Amino acid sequence: MGVVRAAGYIGVSAGPGTRVYFLPDDPRVPRTALDPVALARTLLSATGLIGRSPRRLVTGYFEHHGAPCRESEHQVVAGLPGGDAAEVDFDSLGRIAAVRVTARR
């Protein structure tokens, strides 16, 4: 969805071991907003499904949502809507080790 900038998809079985995905091509389809409460689950689920660079997945997710982020060797910190912040830590193998969301005070 990110590559084609689709707002969502519908996946259906097309045969044994085969799926077809339909992507909407209508600017009226609303985009899902970044949800700080579901952030950890979203990032960990996506990493498990995609199985590639967790760091690139995390930075791409924040870029997709227009959340400014900064990176250090083992962490990505992003500014979230409403002034909250998200910190994503990576272990020495590049896996997501922790996700924290800090609410503004």
PDB file of N, CA and C in Angstrom:
ATOM      1  N   MET A   1       0.821  -1.186   0.000  1.00  0.00           N
ATOM      2  CA  MET A   1       0.000   0.000   0.000  1.00  0.00           C
ATOM      3  C   MET A   1       0.860   1.244   0.000  1.00  0.00           C
ATOM      4  N   GLY A   2       1.968   1.204   0.713  1.00  0.00           N
ATOM      5  CA  GLY A   2       2.835   2.368   0.773  1.00  0.00           C
ATOM      6  C   GLY A   2       3.474   2.687  -0.559  1.00  0.00           C
ATOM      7  N   VAL A   3       3.851   1.674  -1.303  1.00  0.00           N
ATOM      8  CA  VAL A   3       4.515   1.892  -2.588  1.00  0.00           C
ATOM      9  C   VAL A   3       3.594   2.611  -3.566  1.00  0.00           C
ATOM     10  N   VAL A   4       2.332   2.218  -3.602  1.00  0.00           N
ATOM     11  CA  VAL A   4       1.380   2.837  -4.533  1.00  0.00           C
ATOM     12  C   VAL A   4       0.535   3.920  -3.871  1.00  0.00           C
ATOM     13  N   ARG A   5       0.836   4.199  -2.609  1.00  0.00           N
ATOM     14  CA  ARG A   5       0.133   5.240  -1.842  1.00  0.00           C
ATOM     15  C   ARG A   5      -1.380   4.989  -1.780  1.00  0.00           C
ATOM     16  N   ALA A   6      -1.739   3.726  -1.612  1.00  0.00           N
ATOM     17  CA  ALA A   6      -3.150   3.360  -1.500  1.00  0.00           C
ATOM     18  C   ALA A   6      -3.638   3.599  -0.078  1.00  0.00           C
ATOM     19  N   ALA A   7      -4.905   3.946   0.034  1.00  0.00           N
ATOM     20  CA  ALA A   7      -5.497   4.196   1.353  1.00  0.00           C
ATOM     21  C   ALA A   7      -5.846   2.904   2.082  1.00  0.00           C
ATOM     22  N   GLY A   8      -5.919   1.799   1.373  1.00  0.00           N
ATOM     23  CA  GLY A   8      -6.266   0.528   1.993  1.00  0.00           C
ATOM     24  C   GLY A   8      -6.264  -0.568   0.948  1.00  0.00           C
ATOM     25  N   TYR A   9      -6.737  -1.733   1.320  1.00  0.00           N
ATOM     26  CA  TYR A   9      -6.804  -2.841   0.382  1.00  0.00           C
ATOM     27  C   TYR A   9      -7.865  -3.831   0.827  1.00  0.00           C
ATOM     28  N   ILE A  10      -8.281  -4.673  -0.118  1.00  0.00           N
ATOM     29  CA  ILE A  10      -9.151  -5.809   0.165  1.00  0.00           C
ATOM     30  C   ILE A  10      -8.414  -7.021  -0.384  1.00  0.00           C
ATOM     31  N   GLY A  11      -8.175  -8.007   0.459  1.00  0.00           N
ATOM     32  CA  GLY A  11      -7.498  -9.228   0.033  1.00  0.00           C
ATOM     33  C   GLY A  11      -8.475 -10.384   0.016  1.00  0.00           C
ATOM     34  N   VAL A  12      -8.500 -11.145  -1.078  1.00  0.00           N
ATOM     35  CA  VAL A  12      -9.398 -12.295  -1.186  1.00  0.00           C
ATOM     36  C   VAL A  12      -8.630 -13.491  -1.716  1.00  0.00           C
ATOM     37  N   SER A  13      -9.091 -14.679  -1.360  1.00  0.00           N
ATOM     38  CA  SER A  13      -8.491 -15.911  -1.873  1.00  0.00           C
ATOM     39  C   SER A  13      -8.818 -16.049  -3.348  1.00  0.00           C
ATOM     40  N   ALA A  14      -7.825 -16.443  -4.137  1.00  0.00           N
ATOM     41  CA  ALA A  14      -8.034 -16.645  -5.566  1.00  0.00           C
ATOM     42  C   ALA A  14      -7.727 -18.086  -5.960  1.00  0.00           C
ATOM     43  N   GLY A  15      -7.425 -18.898  -4.990  1.00  0.00           N
ATOM     44  CA  GLY A  15      -7.097 -20.294  -5.252  1.00  0.00           C
ATOM     45  C   GLY A  15      -6.208 -20.809  -4.138  1.00  0.00           C
ATOM     46  N   PRO A  16      -5.850 -22.070  -4.172  1.00  0.00           N
ATOM     47  CA  PRO A  16      -4.984 -22.629  -3.132  1.00  0.00           C
ATOM     48  C   PRO A  16      -3.638 -21.888  -3.093  1.00  0.00           C
ATOM     49  N   GLY A  17      -3.354 -21.265  -1.975  1.00  0.00           N
ATOM     50  CA  GLY A  17      -2.090 -20.567  -1.809  1.00  0.00           C
ATOM     51  C   GLY A  17      -1.964 -19.278  -2.593  1.00  0.00           C
ATOM     52  N   THR A  18      -3.074 -18.756  -3.110  1.00  0.00           N
ATOM     53  CA  THR A  18      -3.037 -17.536  -3.923  1.00  0.00           C
ATOM     54  C   THR A  18      -4.038 -16.521  -3.394  1.00  0.00           C
ATOM     55  N   ARG A  19      -3.596 -15.269  -3.317  1.00  0.00           N
ATOM     56  CA  ARG A  19      -4.489 -14.179  -2.908  1.00  0.00           C
ATOM     57  C   ARG A  19      -4.424 -13.065  -3.937  1.00  0.00           C
ATOM     58  N   VAL A  20      -5.522 -12.343  -4.059  1.00  0.00           N
ATOM     59  CA  VAL A  20      -5.590 -11.171  -4.923  1.00  0.00           C
ATOM     60  C   VAL A  20      -5.898  -9.980  -4.025  1.00  0.00           C
ATOM     61  N   TYR A  21      -5.223  -8.869  -4.282  1.00  0.00           N
ATOM     62  CA  TYR A  21      -5.431  -7.660  -3.497  1.00  0.00           C
ATOM     63  C   TYR A  21      -5.978  -6.561  -4.393  1.00  0.00           C
ATOM     64  N   PHE A  22      -7.049  -5.934  -3.949  1.00  0.00           N
ATOM     65  CA  PHE A  22      -7.652  -4.812  -4.653  1.00  0.00           C
ATOM     66  C   PHE A  22      -7.326  -3.543  -3.881  1.00  0.00           C
ATOM     67  N   LEU A  23      -6.822  -2.534  -4.591  1.00  0.00           N
ATOM     68  CA  LEU A  23      -6.469  -1.266  -3.977  1.00  0.00           C
ATOM     69  C   LEU A  23      -7.399  -0.180  -4.486  1.00  0.00           C
ATOM     70  N   PRO A  24      -7.957   0.647  -3.597  1.00  0.00           N
ATOM     71  CA  PRO A  24      -8.824   1.732  -4.067  1.00  0.00           C
ATOM     72  C   PRO A  24      -8.002   2.811  -4.760  1.00  0.00           C
ATOM     73  N   ASP A  25      -8.575   3.366  -5.791  1.00  0.00           N
ATOM     74  CA  ASP A  25      -7.936   4.460  -6.524  1.00  0.00           C
ATOM     75  C   ASP A  25      -8.917   5.627  -6.552  1.00  0.00           C
ATOM     76  N   ASP A  26      -9.290   6.090  -5.390  1.00  0.00           N
ATOM     77  CA  ASP A  26     -10.279   7.156  -5.266  1.00  0.00           C
ATOM     78  C   ASP A  26      -9.830   8.102  -4.158  1.00  0.00           C
ATOM     79  N   PRO A  27      -9.538   9.348  -4.467  1.00  0.00           N
ATOM     80  CA  PRO A  27      -9.057  10.277  -3.444  1.00  0.00           C
ATOM     81  C   PRO A  27     -10.066  10.533  -2.328  1.00  0.00           C
ATOM     82  N   ARG A  28     -11.309  10.130  -2.527  1.00  0.00           N
ATOM     83  CA  ARG A  28     -12.323  10.324  -1.476  1.00  0.00           C
ATOM     84  C   ARG A  28     -12.235   9.276  -0.370  1.00  0.00           C
ATOM     85  N   VAL A  29     -11.484   8.199  -0.614  1.00  0.00           N
ATOM     86  CA  VAL A  29     -11.324   7.164   0.416  1.00  0.00           C
ATOM     87  C   VAL A  29     -10.432   7.743   1.516  1.00  0.00           C
ATOM     88  N   PRO A  30     -10.941   7.797   2.744  1.00  0.00           N
ATOM     89  CA  PRO A  30     -10.139   8.401   3.827  1.00  0.00           C
ATOM     90  C   PRO A  30      -8.933   7.544   4.189  1.00  0.00           C
ATOM     91  N   ARG A  31      -7.878   8.201   4.566  1.00  0.00           N
ATOM     92  CA  ARG A  31      -6.669   7.512   5.024  1.00  0.00           C
ATOM     93  C   ARG A  31      -6.771   7.271   6.526  1.00  0.00           C
ATOM     94  N   THR A  32      -6.221   6.171   6.969  1.00  0.00           N
ATOM     95  CA  THR A  32      -6.190   5.863   8.386  1.00  0.00           C
ATOM     96  C   THR A  32      -5.156   6.761   9.060  1.00  0.00           C
ATOM     97  N   ALA A  33      -5.543   7.368  10.155  1.00  0.00           N
ATOM     98  CA  ALA A  33      -4.627   8.238  10.893  1.00  0.00           C
ATOM     99  C   ALA A  33      -3.682   7.401  11.746  1.00  0.00           C
ATOM    100  N   LEU A  34      -2.533   7.969  12.060  1.00  0.00           N
ATOM    101  CA  LEU A  34      -1.583   7.334  12.957  1.00  0.00           C
ATOM    102  C   LEU A  34      -2.245   7.233  14.336  1.00  0.00           C
ATOM    103  N   ASP A  35      -2.276   6.029  14.894  1.00  0.00           N
ATOM    104  CA  ASP A  35      -2.921   5.781  16.182  1.00  0.00           C
ATOM    105  C   ASP A  35      -1.855   5.453  17.225  1.00  0.00           C
ATOM    106  N   PRO A  36      -1.548   6.391  18.133  1.00  0.00           N
ATOM    107  CA  PRO A  36      -0.505   6.135  19.137  1.00  0.00           C
ATOM    108  C   PRO A  36      -0.787   4.915  20.016  1.00  0.00           C
ATOM    109  N   VAL A  37      -2.063   4.634  20.268  1.00  0.00           N
ATOM    110  CA  VAL A  37      -2.408   3.499  21.128  1.00  0.00           C
ATOM    111  C   VAL A  37      -2.060   2.172  20.445  1.00  0.00           C
ATOM    112  N   ALA A  38      -2.248   2.099  19.144  1.00  0.00           N
ATOM    113  CA  ALA A  38      -1.994   0.857  18.403  1.00  0.00           C
ATOM    114  C   ALA A  38      -0.599   0.822  17.778  1.00  0.00           C
ATOM    115  N   LEU A  39       0.218   1.835  18.031  1.00  0.00           N
ATOM    116  CA  LEU A  39       1.500   1.966  17.349  1.00  0.00           C
ATOM    117  C   LEU A  39       2.405   0.744  17.520  1.00  0.00           C
ATOM    118  N   ALA A  40       2.613   0.291  18.732  1.00  0.00           N
ATOM    119  CA  ALA A  40       3.506  -0.851  18.968  1.00  0.00           C
ATOM    120  C   ALA A  40       3.005  -2.088  18.225  1.00  0.00           C
ATOM    121  N   ARG A  41       1.725  -2.384  18.339  1.00  0.00           N
ATOM    122  CA  ARG A  41       1.148  -3.559  17.666  1.00  0.00           C
ATOM    123  C   ARG A  41       1.284  -3.425  16.151  1.00  0.00           C
ATOM    124  N   THR A  42       1.014  -2.234  15.629  1.00  0.00           N
ATOM    125  CA  THR A  42       1.106  -2.009  14.188  1.00  0.00           C
ATOM    126  C   THR A  42       2.519  -2.246  13.679  1.00  0.00           C
ATOM    127  N   LEU A  43       3.509  -1.653  14.346  1.00  0.00           N
ATOM    128  CA  LEU A  43       4.893  -1.793  13.896  1.00  0.00           C
ATOM    129  C   LEU A  43       5.395  -3.232  14.013  1.00  0.00           C
ATOM    130  N   LEU A  44       5.082  -3.891  15.129  1.00  0.00           N
ATOM    131  CA  LEU A  44       5.544  -5.269  15.315  1.00  0.00           C
ATOM    132  C   LEU A  44       4.858  -6.229  14.347  1.00  0.00           C
ATOM    133  N   SER A  45       3.560  -6.042  14.109  1.00  0.00           N
ATOM    134  CA  SER A  45       2.845  -6.893  13.152  1.00  0.00           C
ATOM    135  C   SER A  45       3.393  -6.702  11.743  1.00  0.00           C
ATOM    136  N   ALA A  46       3.613  -5.453  11.360  1.00  0.00           N
ATOM    137  CA  ALA A  46       4.129  -5.167  10.018  1.00  0.00           C
ATOM    138  C   ALA A  46       5.528  -5.745   9.837  1.00  0.00           C
ATOM    139  N   THR A  47       6.353  -5.641  10.853  1.00  0.00           N
ATOM    140  CA  THR A  47       7.704  -6.195  10.771  1.00  0.00           C
ATOM    141  C   THR A  47       7.645  -7.705  10.578  1.00  0.00           C
ATOM    142  N   GLY A  48       6.741  -8.364  11.300  1.00  0.00           N
ATOM    143  CA  GLY A  48       6.587  -9.804  11.158  1.00  0.00           C
ATOM    144  C   GLY A  48       6.088 -10.203   9.780  1.00  0.00           C
ATOM    145  N   LEU A  49       5.204  -9.401   9.195  1.00  0.00           N
ATOM    146  CA  LEU A  49       4.659  -9.711   7.879  1.00  0.00           C
ATOM    147  C   LEU A  49       5.660  -9.441   6.761  1.00  0.00           C
ATOM    148  N   ILE A  50       6.372  -8.339   6.862  1.00  0.00           N
ATOM    149  CA  ILE A  50       7.267  -7.936   5.779  1.00  0.00           C
ATOM    150  C   ILE A  50       8.613  -8.629   5.886  1.00  0.00           C
ATOM    151  N   GLY A  51       9.120  -8.779   7.106  1.00  0.00           N
ATOM    152  CA  GLY A  51      10.348  -9.536   7.311  1.00  0.00           C
ATOM    153  C   GLY A  51      11.613  -8.900   6.765  1.00  0.00           C
ATOM    154  N   ARG A  52      11.585  -7.624   6.480  1.00  0.00           N
ATOM    155  CA  ARG A  52      12.776  -6.927   5.989  1.00  0.00           C
ATOM    156  C   ARG A  52      13.287  -6.001   7.070  1.00  0.00           C
ATOM    157  N   SER A  53      13.928  -4.939   6.696  1.00  0.00           N
ATOM    158  CA  SER A  53      14.540  -4.016   7.633  1.00  0.00           C
ATOM    159  C   SER A  53      13.514  -3.355   8.549  1.00  0.00           C
ATOM    160  N   PRO A  54      13.501  -3.725   9.830  1.00  0.00           N
ATOM    161  CA  PRO A  54      12.578  -3.083  10.760  1.00  0.00           C
ATOM    162  C   PRO A  54      12.792  -1.566  10.837  1.00  0.00           C
ATOM    163  N   ARG A  55      14.037  -1.128  10.785  1.00  0.00           N
ATOM    164  CA  ARG A  55      14.306   0.318  10.854  1.00  0.00           C
ATOM    165  C   ARG A  55      13.667   1.036   9.669  1.00  0.00           C
ATOM    166  N   ARG A  56      13.826   0.496   8.472  1.00  0.00           N
ATOM    167  CA  ARG A  56      13.240   1.126   7.291  1.00  0.00           C
ATOM    168  C   ARG A  56      11.728   1.110   7.368  1.00  0.00           C
ATOM    169  N   LEU A  57      11.158   0.038   7.890  1.00  0.00           N
ATOM    170  CA  LEU A  57       9.714  -0.039   8.065  1.00  0.00           C
ATOM    171  C   LEU A  57       9.238   1.062   9.009  1.00  0.00           C
ATOM    172  N   VAL A  58       9.933   1.242  10.119  1.00  0.00           N
ATOM    173  CA  VAL A  58       9.551   2.247  11.116  1.00  0.00           C
ATOM    174  C   VAL A  58       9.660   3.655  10.535  1.00  0.00           C
ATOM    175  N   THR A  59      10.790   3.961   9.906  1.00  0.00           N
ATOM    176  CA  THR A  59      10.941   5.314   9.350  1.00  0.00           C
ATOM    177  C   THR A  59       9.956   5.546   8.207  1.00  0.00           C
ATOM    178  N   GLY A  60       9.702   4.524   7.406  1.00  0.00           N
ATOM    179  CA  GLY A  60       8.725   4.646   6.324  1.00  0.00           C
ATOM    180  C   GLY A  60       7.319   4.871   6.845  1.00  0.00           C
ATOM    181  N   TYR A  61       6.986   4.206   7.943  1.00  0.00           N
ATOM    182  CA  TYR A  61       5.667   4.387   8.553  1.00  0.00           C
ATOM    183  C   TYR A  61       5.494   5.834   9.014  1.00  0.00           C
ATOM    184  N   PHE A  62       6.491   6.356   9.698  1.00  0.00           N
ATOM    185  CA  PHE A  62       6.397   7.737  10.165  1.00  0.00           C
ATOM    186  C   PHE A  62       6.381   8.714   8.990  1.00  0.00           C
ATOM    187  N   GLU A  63       7.185   8.464   7.971  1.00  0.00           N
ATOM    188  CA  GLU A  63       7.177   9.319   6.773  1.00  0.00           C
ATOM    189  C   GLU A  63       5.802   9.311   6.126  1.00  0.00           C
ATOM    190  N   HIS A  64       5.205   8.122   6.003  1.00  0.00           N
ATOM    191  CA  HIS A  64       3.878   7.975   5.398  1.00  0.00           C
ATOM    192  C   HIS A  64       2.847   8.844   6.111  1.00  0.00           C
ATOM    193  N   HIS A  65       2.970   8.936   7.421  1.00  0.00           N
ATOM    194  CA  HIS A  65       2.017   9.707   8.223  1.00  0.00           C
ATOM    195  C   HIS A  65       2.462  11.154   8.445  1.00  0.00           C
ATOM    196  N   GLY A  66       3.570  11.549   7.852  1.00  0.00           N
ATOM    197  CA  GLY A  66       4.039  12.929   7.993  1.00  0.00           C
ATOM    198  C   GLY A  66       4.541  13.260   9.381  1.00  0.00           C
ATOM    199  N   ALA A  67       4.980  12.257  10.119  1.00  0.00           N
ATOM    200  CA  ALA A  67       5.504  12.457  11.474  1.00  0.00           C
ATOM    201  C   ALA A  67       7.024  12.652  11.388  1.00  0.00           C
ATOM    202  N   PRO A  68       7.514  13.821  11.760  1.00  0.00           N
ATOM    203  CA  PRO A  68       8.955  14.050  11.684  1.00  0.00           C
ATOM    204  C   PRO A  68       9.697  13.123  12.643  1.00  0.00           C
ATOM    205  N   CYS A  69      10.807  12.580  12.174  1.00  0.00           N
ATOM    206  CA  CYS A  69      11.563  11.689  13.057  1.00  0.00           C
ATOM    207  C   CYS A  69      13.049  11.959  12.929  1.00  0.00           C
ATOM    208  N   ARG A  70      13.753  11.556  13.963  1.00  0.00           N
ATOM    209  CA  ARG A  70      15.216  11.637  13.959  1.00  0.00           C
ATOM    210  C   ARG A  70      15.738  10.265  14.372  1.00  0.00           C
ATOM    211  N   GLU A  71      16.897   9.951  13.833  1.00  0.00           N
ATOM    212  CA  GLU A  71      17.472   8.630  14.071  1.00  0.00           C
ATOM    213  C   GLU A  71      18.814   8.730  14.773  1.00  0.00           C
ATOM    214  N   SER A  72      19.066   7.752  15.628  1.00  0.00           N
ATOM    215  CA  SER A  72      20.392   7.543  16.189  1.00  0.00           C
ATOM    216  C   SER A  72      20.731   6.076  15.915  1.00  0.00           C
ATOM    217  N   GLU A  73      21.866   5.629  16.406  1.00  0.00           N
ATOM    218  CA  GLU A  73      22.316   4.277  16.084  1.00  0.00           C
ATOM    219  C   GLU A  73      21.298   3.198  16.451  1.00  0.00           C
ATOM    220  N   HIS A  74      20.664   3.319  17.618  1.00  0.00           N
ATOM    221  CA  HIS A  74      19.751   2.269  18.084  1.00  0.00           C
ATOM    222  C   HIS A  74      18.344   2.771  18.375  1.00  0.00           C
ATOM    223  N   GLN A  75      17.964   3.914  17.788  1.00  0.00           N
ATOM    224  CA  GLN A  75      16.647   4.453  18.122  1.00  0.00           C
ATOM    225  C   GLN A  75      16.126   5.373  17.014  1.00  0.00           C
ATOM    226  N   VAL A  76      14.805   5.366  16.864  1.00  0.00           N
ATOM    227  CA  VAL A  76      14.101   6.341  16.037  1.00  0.00           C
ATOM    228  C   VAL A  76      13.102   7.031  16.957  1.00  0.00           C
ATOM    229  N   VAL A  77      13.102   8.366  16.954  1.00  0.00           N
ATOM    230  CA  VAL A  77      12.168   9.145  17.760  1.00  0.00           C
ATOM    231  C   VAL A  77      11.328   9.969  16.799  1.00  0.00           C
ATOM    232  N   ALA A  78      10.011   9.901  16.953  1.00  0.00           N
ATOM    233  CA  ALA A  78       9.107  10.622  16.052  1.00  0.00           C
ATOM    234  C   ALA A  78       8.166  11.524  16.841  1.00  0.00           C
ATOM    235  N   GLY A  79       7.886  12.675  16.276  1.00  0.00           N
ATOM    236  CA  GLY A  79       6.878  13.569  16.826  1.00  0.00           C
ATOM    237  C   GLY A  79       5.526  13.160  16.283  1.00  0.00           C
ATOM    238  N   LEU A  80       4.565  12.934  17.163  1.00  0.00           N
ATOM    239  CA  LEU A  80       3.236  12.482  16.765  1.00  0.00           C
ATOM    240  C   LEU A  80       2.241  13.634  16.807  1.00  0.00           C
ATOM    241  N   PRO A  81       1.117  13.478  16.131  1.00  0.00           N
ATOM    242  CA  PRO A  81       0.094  14.517  16.176  1.00  0.00           C
ATOM    243  C   PRO A  81      -0.322  14.820  17.621  1.00  0.00           C
ATOM    244  N   GLY A  82      -0.584  16.062  17.909  1.00  0.00           N
ATOM    245  CA  GLY A  82      -1.000  16.448  19.251  1.00  0.00           C
ATOM    246  C   GLY A  82       0.153  16.675  20.200  1.00  0.00           C
ATOM    247  N   GLY A  83       1.388  16.548  19.726  1.00  0.00           N
ATOM    248  CA  GLY A  83       2.548  16.800  20.576  1.00  0.00           C
ATOM    249  C   GLY A  83       3.109  15.584  21.277  1.00  0.00           C
ATOM    250  N   ASP A  84       2.496  14.408  21.095  1.00  0.00           N
ATOM    251  CA  ASP A  84       3.042  13.184  21.689  1.00  0.00           C
ATOM    252  C   ASP A  84       4.332  12.805  20.965  1.00  0.00           C
ATOM    253  N   ALA A  85       5.094  11.900  21.545  1.00  0.00           N
ATOM    254  CA  ALA A  85       6.326  11.415  20.918  1.00  0.00           C
ATOM    255  C   ALA A  85       6.360   9.894  20.982  1.00  0.00           C
ATOM    256  N   ALA A  86       6.976   9.289  19.977  1.00  0.00           N
ATOM    257  CA  ALA A  86       7.165   7.839  19.952  1.00  0.00           C
ATOM    258  C   ALA A  86       8.652   7.553  19.877  1.00  0.00           C
ATOM    259  N   GLU A  87       9.101   6.594  20.667  1.00  0.00           N
ATOM    260  CA  GLU A  87      10.490   6.153  20.643  1.00  0.00           C
ATOM    261  C   GLU A  87      10.502   4.669  20.298  1.00  0.00           C
ATOM    262  N   VAL A  88      11.265   4.324  19.276  1.00  0.00           N
ATOM    263  CA  VAL A  88      11.386   2.924  18.878  1.00  0.00           C
ATOM    264  C   VAL A  88      12.856   2.551  19.014  1.00  0.00           C
ATOM    265  N   ASP A  89      13.130   1.596  19.899  1.00  0.00           N
ATOM    266  CA  ASP A  89      14.496   1.127  20.135  1.00  0.00           C
ATOM    267  C   ASP A  89      14.754  -0.136  19.315  1.00  0.00           C
ATOM    268  N   PHE A  90      16.010  -0.299  18.872  1.00  0.00           N
ATOM    269  CA  PHE A  90      16.425  -1.470  18.111  1.00  0.00           C
ATOM    270  C   PHE A  90      17.549  -2.185  18.854  1.00  0.00           C
ATOM    271  N   ASP A  91      17.542  -3.507  18.781  1.00  0.00           N
ATOM    272  CA  ASP A  91      18.616  -4.263  19.426  1.00  0.00           C
ATOM    273  C   ASP A  91      19.837  -4.333  18.498  1.00  0.00           C
ATOM    274  N   SER A  92      20.860  -5.043  18.915  1.00  0.00           N
ATOM    275  CA  SER A  92      22.112  -5.103  18.142  1.00  0.00           C
ATOM    276  C   SER A  92      21.947  -5.819  16.799  1.00  0.00           C
ATOM    277  N   LEU A  93      20.854  -6.567  16.637  1.00  0.00           N
ATOM    278  CA  LEU A  93      20.581  -7.244  15.367  1.00  0.00           C
ATOM    279  C   LEU A  93      19.638  -6.441  14.473  1.00  0.00           C
ATOM    280  N   GLY A  94      19.244  -5.238  14.931  1.00  0.00           N
ATOM    281  CA  GLY A  94      18.375  -4.382  14.145  1.00  0.00           C
ATOM    282  C   GLY A  94      16.895  -4.647  14.309  1.00  0.00           C
ATOM    283  N   ARG A  95      16.536  -5.521  15.258  1.00  0.00           N
ATOM    284  CA  ARG A  95      15.122  -5.819  15.510  1.00  0.00           C
ATOM    285  C   ARG A  95      14.527  -4.766  16.434  1.00  0.00           C
ATOM    286  N   ILE A  96      13.199  -4.605  16.362  1.00  0.00           N
ATOM    287  CA  ILE A  96      12.531  -3.695  17.279  1.00  0.00           C
ATOM    288  C   ILE A  96      12.609  -4.298  18.684  1.00  0.00           C
ATOM    289  N   ALA A  97      13.181  -3.542  19.611  1.00  0.00           N
ATOM    290  CA  ALA A  97      13.340  -4.017  20.986  1.00  0.00           C
ATOM    291  C   ALA A  97      12.294  -3.409  21.904  1.00  0.00           C
ATOM    292  N   ALA A  98      11.839  -2.182  21.621  1.00  0.00           N
ATOM    293  CA  ALA A  98      10.853  -1.520  22.465  1.00  0.00           C
ATOM    294  C   ALA A  98      10.198  -0.398  21.684  1.00  0.00           C
ATOM    295  N   VAL A  99       8.915  -0.164  21.999  1.00  0.00           N
ATOM    296  CA  VAL A  99       8.181   0.970  21.445  1.00  0.00           C
ATOM    297  C   VAL A  99       7.523   1.686  22.601  1.00  0.00           C
ATOM    298  N   ARG A 100       7.811   2.984  22.730  1.00  0.00           N
ATOM    299  CA  ARG A 100       7.222   3.781  23.803  1.00  0.00           C
ATOM    300  C   ARG A 100       6.550   5.010  23.207  1.00  0.00           C
ATOM    301  N   VAL A 101       5.372   5.317  23.708  1.00  0.00           N
ATOM    302  CA  VAL A 101       4.685   6.541  23.317  1.00  0.00           C
ATOM    303  C   VAL A 101       4.565   7.393  24.562  1.00  0.00           C
ATOM    304  N   THR A 102       5.041   8.632  24.462  1.00  0.00           N
ATOM    305  CA  THR A 102       4.997   9.561  25.584  1.00  0.00           C
ATOM    306  C   THR A 102       3.939  10.619  25.281  1.00  0.00           C
ATOM    307  N   ALA A 103       2.949  10.699  26.152  1.00  0.00           N
ATOM    308  CA  ALA A 103       1.906  11.713  25.978  1.00  0.00           C
ATOM    309  C   ALA A 103       2.410  13.061  26.457  1.00  0.00           C
ATOM    310  N   ARG A 104       1.997  14.102  25.746  1.00  0.00           N
ATOM    311  CA  ARG A 104       2.398  15.434  26.202  1.00  0.00           C
ATOM    312  C   ARG A 104       1.730  15.710  27.537  1.00  0.00           C
ATOM    313  N   ARG A 105       2.353  16.521  28.306  1.00  0.00           N
ATOM    314  CA  ARG A 105       1.838  16.795  29.642  1.00  0.00           C
ATOM    315  C   ARG A 105       1.051  18.061  29.691  1.00  0.00           C
TER     316      ARG A 105
END
